[in-house]
């Protein structure tokens, strides 16, 4: 199965070689709010090797302490498409809203909820953490379903 997506202008396109749409999570931290211009960012963790990108990509690196986040944007419309992080080698963080069929995705977890906008209501039964989730719990929440 191939899952497709791209930026808002269509100049940058990608394919994910996955068997099913990836599970997604919402991050409510202030950095994601500022980067998305919204109340939170919805993202999918996918194997970087499953991602093939075509079109103009602009790279911006952000170093914080011991990690570097390598952000990839469309070189034409500057929509943020995905990033990688030196703390998670081999994993790409795809912006879920860039998937062609994003309306079919199910948000399986919420992180950094201490920073959420107070008008955002998280559905009952969806795992949530006030800050970053413990890795094992977070992985379990994303793989259930």
Protein backbone atom coordinates (compact mmCIF):
# COMPACT_ATOMS: atom_id res chain seq x y z
CA UNK A 1 0.00 0.00 0.00
CA UNK A 2 1.20 3.51 -0.70
CA UNK A 3 -0.01 6.49 1.28
CA UNK A 4 0.44 9.88 -0.33
CA UNK A 5 0.61 13.47 0.79
CA UNK A 6 2.13 16.82 0.08
CA UNK A 7 2.31 20.51 0.77
CA UNK A 8 -0.49 23.02 0.24
CA UNK A 9 0.68 24.21 -3.20
CA UNK A 10 1.41 20.72 -4.59
CA UNK A 11 5.06 21.35 -5.49
CA UNK A 12 6.27 18.93 -2.81
CA UNK A 13 4.78 15.43 -2.79
CA UNK A 14 5.60 12.32 -0.80
CA UNK A 15 4.77 8.65 -0.55
CA UNK A 16 4.80 6.44 2.52
CA UNK A 17 5.41 2.74 1.90
CA UNK A 18 3.18 1.52 4.74
CA UNK A 19 0.52 -1.17 5.06
CA UNK A 20 -1.99 1.19 6.69
CA UNK A 21 -2.38 4.88 7.50
CA UNK A 22 -0.04 5.77 10.36
CA UNK A 23 -1.34 6.38 13.88
CA UNK A 24 -1.24 10.04 14.84
CA UNK A 25 -0.93 12.05 18.03
CA UNK A 26 -1.52 15.66 19.01
CA UNK A 27 1.15 17.76 20.67
CA UNK A 28 -0.08 20.78 22.62
CA UNK A 29 3.33 22.26 23.55
CA UNK A 30 3.96 25.93 22.87
CA UNK A 31 6.55 25.15 20.18
CA UNK A 32 3.99 23.13 18.20
CA UNK A 33 1.35 25.80 18.71
CA UNK A 34 3.69 28.45 17.33
CA UNK A 35 4.94 26.28 14.46
CA UNK A 36 1.42 25.34 13.38
CA UNK A 37 -0.26 28.64 14.16
CA UNK A 38 -2.98 26.57 15.82
CA UNK A 39 -3.91 25.00 19.14
CA UNK A 40 -1.78 21.90 18.56
CA UNK A 41 0.12 19.95 15.94
CA UNK A 42 -1.01 16.52 14.71
CA UNK A 43 1.83 14.23 13.72
CA UNK A 44 2.65 10.70 12.64
CA UNK A 45 5.83 8.84 13.52
CA UNK A 46 6.91 6.74 10.53
CA UNK A 47 10.08 4.88 9.57
CA UNK A 48 12.21 7.38 7.67
CA UNK A 49 13.05 4.63 5.14
CA UNK A 50 9.33 4.41 4.23
CA UNK A 51 9.24 8.07 3.13
CA UNK A 52 10.02 9.18 -0.43
CA UNK A 53 9.81 12.91 -1.16
CA UNK A 54 9.83 14.72 -4.49
CA UNK A 55 9.86 18.44 -5.19
CA UNK A 56 11.67 21.38 -3.67
CA UNK A 57 12.56 20.92 0.00
CA UNK A 58 14.11 23.56 2.24
CA UNK A 59 15.86 22.37 5.41
CA UNK A 60 16.00 24.28 8.69
CA UNK A 61 17.88 22.90 11.69
CA UNK A 62 16.96 23.72 15.28
CA UNK A 63 19.42 22.67 17.99
CA UNK A 64 18.21 22.50 21.59
CA UNK A 65 20.63 21.10 24.12
CA UNK A 66 21.77 17.69 22.94
CA UNK A 67 19.38 17.27 20.02
CA UNK A 68 18.91 18.72 16.57
CA UNK A 69 15.55 18.78 14.83
CA UNK A 70 15.88 18.90 11.05
CA UNK A 71 12.71 20.49 9.68
CA UNK A 72 11.69 20.01 6.03
CA UNK A 73 9.49 22.59 4.33
CA UNK A 74 8.20 22.94 0.77
CA UNK A 75 10.61 25.26 -1.04
CA UNK A 76 7.71 26.96 -2.82
CA UNK A 77 4.89 27.48 -0.29
CA UNK A 78 6.99 26.84 2.86
CA UNK A 79 4.49 24.41 4.38
CA UNK A 80 6.17 22.24 7.00
CA UNK A 81 6.02 18.64 5.77
CA UNK A 82 8.14 16.55 8.16
CA UNK A 83 11.15 16.53 10.42
CA UNK A 84 13.72 14.17 11.85
CA UNK A 85 15.50 14.41 15.17
CA UNK A 86 18.94 13.26 16.26
CA UNK A 87 17.37 11.66 19.36
CA UNK A 88 15.22 9.36 17.20
CA UNK A 89 17.39 8.13 14.31
CA UNK A 90 15.43 6.45 11.52
CA UNK A 91 12.10 8.06 12.48
CA UNK A 92 10.37 10.81 10.48
CA UNK A 93 7.68 12.97 12.05
CA UNK A 94 5.17 13.70 9.28
CA UNK A 95 2.67 16.53 9.72
CA UNK A 96 -0.60 14.61 9.58
CA UNK A 97 -2.48 17.41 7.86
CA UNK A 98 -0.24 16.97 4.82
CA UNK A 99 -1.56 13.44 4.17
CA UNK A 100 -4.00 13.34 1.24
CA UNK A 101 -6.64 11.50 3.25
CA UNK A 102 -5.98 13.06 6.65
CA UNK A 103 -9.70 13.05 7.50
CA UNK A 104 -9.44 9.25 7.88
CA UNK A 105 -6.83 9.43 10.64
CA UNK A 106 -7.55 8.70 14.28
CA UNK A 107 -5.73 10.73 16.92
CA UNK A 108 -4.59 8.11 19.43
CA UNK A 109 -2.81 10.23 22.05
CA UNK A 110 -2.26 13.78 23.31
CA UNK A 111 0.98 15.05 24.83
CA UNK A 112 1.91 18.28 26.65
CA UNK A 113 -1.72 18.78 27.66
CA UNK A 114 -0.70 21.16 30.47
CA UNK A 115 -0.18 23.69 27.65
CA UNK A 116 -3.37 23.00 25.70
CA UNK A 117 -5.79 25.76 24.93
CA UNK A 118 -8.50 25.50 27.58
CA UNK A 119 -11.27 25.33 24.96
CA UNK A 120 -9.76 22.11 23.54
CA UNK A 121 -11.57 19.05 24.89
CA UNK A 122 -9.76 15.74 24.63
CA UNK A 123 -12.14 12.82 24.04
CA UNK A 124 -12.68 10.50 26.97
CA UNK A 125 -10.56 7.36 26.83
CA UNK A 126 -7.83 8.84 24.60
CA UNK A 127 -4.47 8.62 26.42
CA UNK A 128 -3.00 11.96 27.44
CA UNK A 129 0.00 13.23 29.37
CA UNK A 130 0.63 16.66 30.91
CA UNK A 131 4.17 16.72 29.46
CA UNK A 132 6.00 14.21 27.25
CA UNK A 133 4.73 10.68 27.69
CA UNK A 134 6.99 7.89 28.93
CA UNK A 135 8.24 6.22 25.76
CA UNK A 136 6.77 2.75 26.43
CA UNK A 137 3.33 4.16 27.28
CA UNK A 138 3.38 6.48 24.27
CA UNK A 139 4.37 3.65 21.91
CA UNK A 140 1.63 1.44 23.34
CA UNK A 141 -1.00 4.18 22.83
CA UNK A 142 0.04 4.66 19.20
CA UNK A 143 0.06 0.96 18.36
CA UNK A 144 -3.33 0.12 19.88
CA UNK A 145 -6.26 0.13 17.55
